[in-house]
Amino acid sequence: MFKKGDLSLNMIIVAIIALLVLVIIAAIFTGRLALFNIGISDCLKVKGAQCMFECGDGYVQDKTSKCLTEEKKVDPNQVCCIPQDFTEIQE
């Protein structure tokens, strides 16, 4: 016959294992989503935007977009600059 404590201990162990599996799955998908977000926030995908070391006259910094290197990593030395006058970038 089973003791009442044995059943409880088994359920606790199963719950801990299930929780660990969920944490590992969440970590995997969170890492993948971060890579996806970098691709979307590419500065050069914005029409009229340019990657510069410093935004010059007529440009403002777009803090939502990132400048990427050839290896698709964020370039910390450059900022994404978009024209101040948005009529320049309309089709």
C-alpha atoms as a PDB file:
ATOM      1  CA  MET A   1       0.000   0.000   0.000  1.00  0.00           C
ATOM      2  CA  PHE A   2       1.073   3.545  -0.708  1.00  0.00           C
ATOM      3  CA  LYS A   3       1.678   5.991   2.053  1.00  0.00           C
ATOM      4  CA  LYS A   4       0.099   9.373   1.805  1.00  0.00           C
ATOM      5  CA  GLY A   5       3.525  11.113   1.964  1.00  0.00           C
ATOM      6  CA  ASP A   6       4.970   9.076  -0.927  1.00  0.00           C
ATOM      7  CA  LEU A   7       2.324  10.266  -3.356  1.00  0.00           C
ATOM      8  CA  SER A   8       2.905  13.874  -2.333  1.00  0.00           C
ATOM      9  CA  LEU A   9       6.669  13.572  -2.718  1.00  0.00           C
ATOM     10  CA  ASN A  10       6.286  12.060  -6.198  1.00  0.00           C
ATOM     11  CA  MET A  11       3.997  14.860  -7.296  1.00  0.00           C
ATOM     12  CA  ILE A  12       6.425  17.481  -5.992  1.00  0.00           C
ATOM     13  CA  ILE A  13       9.304  15.886  -7.922  1.00  0.00           C
ATOM     14  CA  VAL A  14       7.235  15.734 -11.132  1.00  0.00           C
ATOM     15  CA  ALA A  15       6.181  19.357 -10.682  1.00  0.00           C
ATOM     16  CA  ILE A  16       9.814  20.468 -10.222  1.00  0.00           C
ATOM     17  CA  ILE A  17      10.914  18.593 -13.349  1.00  0.00           C
ATOM     18  CA  ALA A  18       8.024  20.080 -15.350  1.00  0.00           C
ATOM     19  CA  LEU A  19       8.915  23.569 -14.125  1.00  0.00           C
ATOM     20  CA  LEU A  20      12.555  23.109 -15.164  1.00  0.00           C
ATOM     21  CA  VAL A  21      11.483  21.980 -18.632  1.00  0.00           C
ATOM     22  CA  LEU A  22       9.233  25.042 -19.007  1.00  0.00           C
ATOM     23  CA  VAL A  23      12.045  27.384 -17.935  1.00  0.00           C
ATOM     24  CA  ILE A  24      14.431  25.817 -20.453  1.00  0.00           C
ATOM     25  CA  ILE A  25      11.858  26.083 -23.257  1.00  0.00           C
ATOM     26  CA  ALA A  26      11.154  29.722 -22.350  1.00  0.00           C
ATOM     27  CA  ALA A  27      14.892  30.519 -22.404  1.00  0.00           C
ATOM     28  CA  ILE A  28      15.262  28.961 -25.845  1.00  0.00           C
ATOM     29  CA  PHE A  29      12.346  30.881 -27.349  1.00  0.00           C
ATOM     30  CA  THR A  30      13.302  34.147 -25.658  1.00  0.00           C
ATOM     31  CA  GLY A  31      16.762  33.951 -27.205  1.00  0.00           C
ATOM     32  CA  ARG A  32      15.273  33.299 -30.631  1.00  0.00           C
ATOM     33  CA  LEU A  33      12.852  36.194 -30.319  1.00  0.00           C
ATOM     34  CA  ALA A  34      15.705  38.552 -29.468  1.00  0.00           C
ATOM     35  CA  LEU A  35      17.468  37.591 -32.718  1.00  0.00           C
ATOM     36  CA  PHE A  36      14.240  38.155 -34.636  1.00  0.00           C
ATOM     37  CA  ASN A  37      13.823  41.636 -33.114  1.00  0.00           C
ATOM     38  CA  ILE A  38      17.331  42.654 -34.170  1.00  0.00           C
ATOM     39  CA  GLY A  39      16.487  41.836 -37.785  1.00  0.00           C
ATOM     40  CA  ILE A  40      13.300  43.900 -37.675  1.00  0.00           C
ATOM     41  CA  SER A  41      14.971  46.921 -36.083  1.00  0.00           C
ATOM     42  CA  ASP A  42      17.601  47.202 -38.844  1.00  0.00           C
ATOM     43  CA  CYS A  43      18.129  50.889 -39.627  1.00  0.00           C
ATOM     44  CA  LEU A  44      18.631  50.356 -43.344  1.00  0.00           C
ATOM     45  CA  LYS A  45      15.136  48.881 -43.681  1.00  0.00           C
ATOM     46  CA  VAL A  46      13.689  52.324 -42.908  1.00  0.00           C
ATOM     47  CA  LYS A  47      13.335  54.360 -46.097  1.00  0.00           C
ATOM     48  CA  GLY A  48      15.674  57.348 -46.093  1.00  0.00           C
ATOM     49  CA  ALA A  49      17.556  56.238 -42.952  1.00  0.00           C
ATOM     50  CA  GLN A  50      21.347  56.116 -42.803  1.00  0.00           C
ATOM     51  CA  CYS A  51      23.866  54.717 -40.338  1.00  0.00           C
ATOM     52  CA  MET A  52      26.250  57.460 -39.193  1.00  0.00           C
ATOM     53  CA  PHE A  53      28.679  58.053 -36.370  1.00  0.00           C
ATOM     54  CA  GLU A  54      26.739  61.204 -35.496  1.00  0.00           C
ATOM     55  CA  CYS A  55      23.537  62.625 -36.959  1.00  0.00           C
ATOM     56  CA  GLY A  56      24.253  65.758 -38.970  1.00  0.00           C
ATOM     57  CA  ASP A  57      22.071  68.713 -39.933  1.00  0.00           C
ATOM     58  CA  GLY A  58      18.667  67.708 -41.220  1.00  0.00           C
ATOM     59  CA  TYR A  59      18.755  64.330 -39.473  1.00  0.00           C
ATOM     60  CA  VAL A  60      17.534  63.103 -36.097  1.00  0.00           C
ATOM     61  CA  GLN A  61      18.501  59.937 -34.299  1.00  0.00           C
ATOM     62  CA  ASP A  62      16.024  57.064 -34.461  1.00  0.00           C
ATOM     63  CA  LYS A  63      16.453  55.249 -31.159  1.00  0.00           C
ATOM     64  CA  THR A  64      14.143  52.395 -32.164  1.00  0.00           C
ATOM     65  CA  SER A  65      16.355  51.206 -35.037  1.00  0.00           C
ATOM     66  CA  LYS A  66      19.864  49.774 -34.804  1.00  0.00           C
ATOM     67  CA  CYS A  67      22.797  49.822 -37.194  1.00  0.00           C
ATOM     68  CA  LEU A  68      24.024  46.321 -37.970  1.00  0.00           C
ATOM     69  CA  THR A  69      27.422  45.069 -39.060  1.00  0.00           C
ATOM     70  CA  GLU A  70      27.905  42.623 -41.933  1.00  0.00           C
ATOM     71  CA  GLU A  71      27.706  39.801 -39.369  1.00  0.00           C
ATOM     72  CA  LYS A  72      24.195  41.010 -38.374  1.00  0.00           C
ATOM     73  CA  LYS A  73      25.382  42.239 -34.965  1.00  0.00           C
ATOM     74  CA  VAL A  74      24.550  45.646 -33.498  1.00  0.00           C
ATOM     75  CA  ASP A  75      27.265  48.213 -34.264  1.00  0.00           C
ATOM     76  CA  PRO A  76      27.792  50.259 -31.073  1.00  0.00           C
ATOM     77  CA  ASN A  77      29.767  52.969 -32.910  1.00  0.00           C
ATOM     78  CA  GLN A  78      27.011  54.077 -35.278  1.00  0.00           C
ATOM     79  CA  VAL A  79      23.506  55.474 -34.788  1.00  0.00           C
ATOM     80  CA  CYS A  80      20.492  55.336 -37.068  1.00  0.00           C
ATOM     81  CA  CYS A  81      19.676  58.764 -38.495  1.00  0.00           C
ATOM     82  CA  ILE A  82      16.435  59.625 -40.273  1.00  0.00           C
ATOM     83  CA  PRO A  83      15.614  62.856 -42.126  1.00  0.00           C
ATOM     84  CA  GLN A  84      14.016  65.542 -39.959  1.00  0.00           C
ATOM     85  CA  ASP A  85      11.576  66.397 -42.703  1.00  0.00           C
ATOM     86  CA  PHE A  86       9.501  63.266 -43.233  1.00  0.00           C
ATOM     87  CA  THR A  87       8.246  64.561 -46.601  1.00  0.00           C
ATOM     88  CA  GLU A  88      11.666  63.543 -47.974  1.00  0.00           C
ATOM     89  CA  ILE A  89      10.997  59.881 -47.300  1.00  0.00           C
ATOM     90  CA  GLN A  90       7.465  59.671 -48.671  1.00  0.00           C
ATOM     91  CA  GLU A  91       7.021  57.868 -51.953  1.00  0.00           C
END
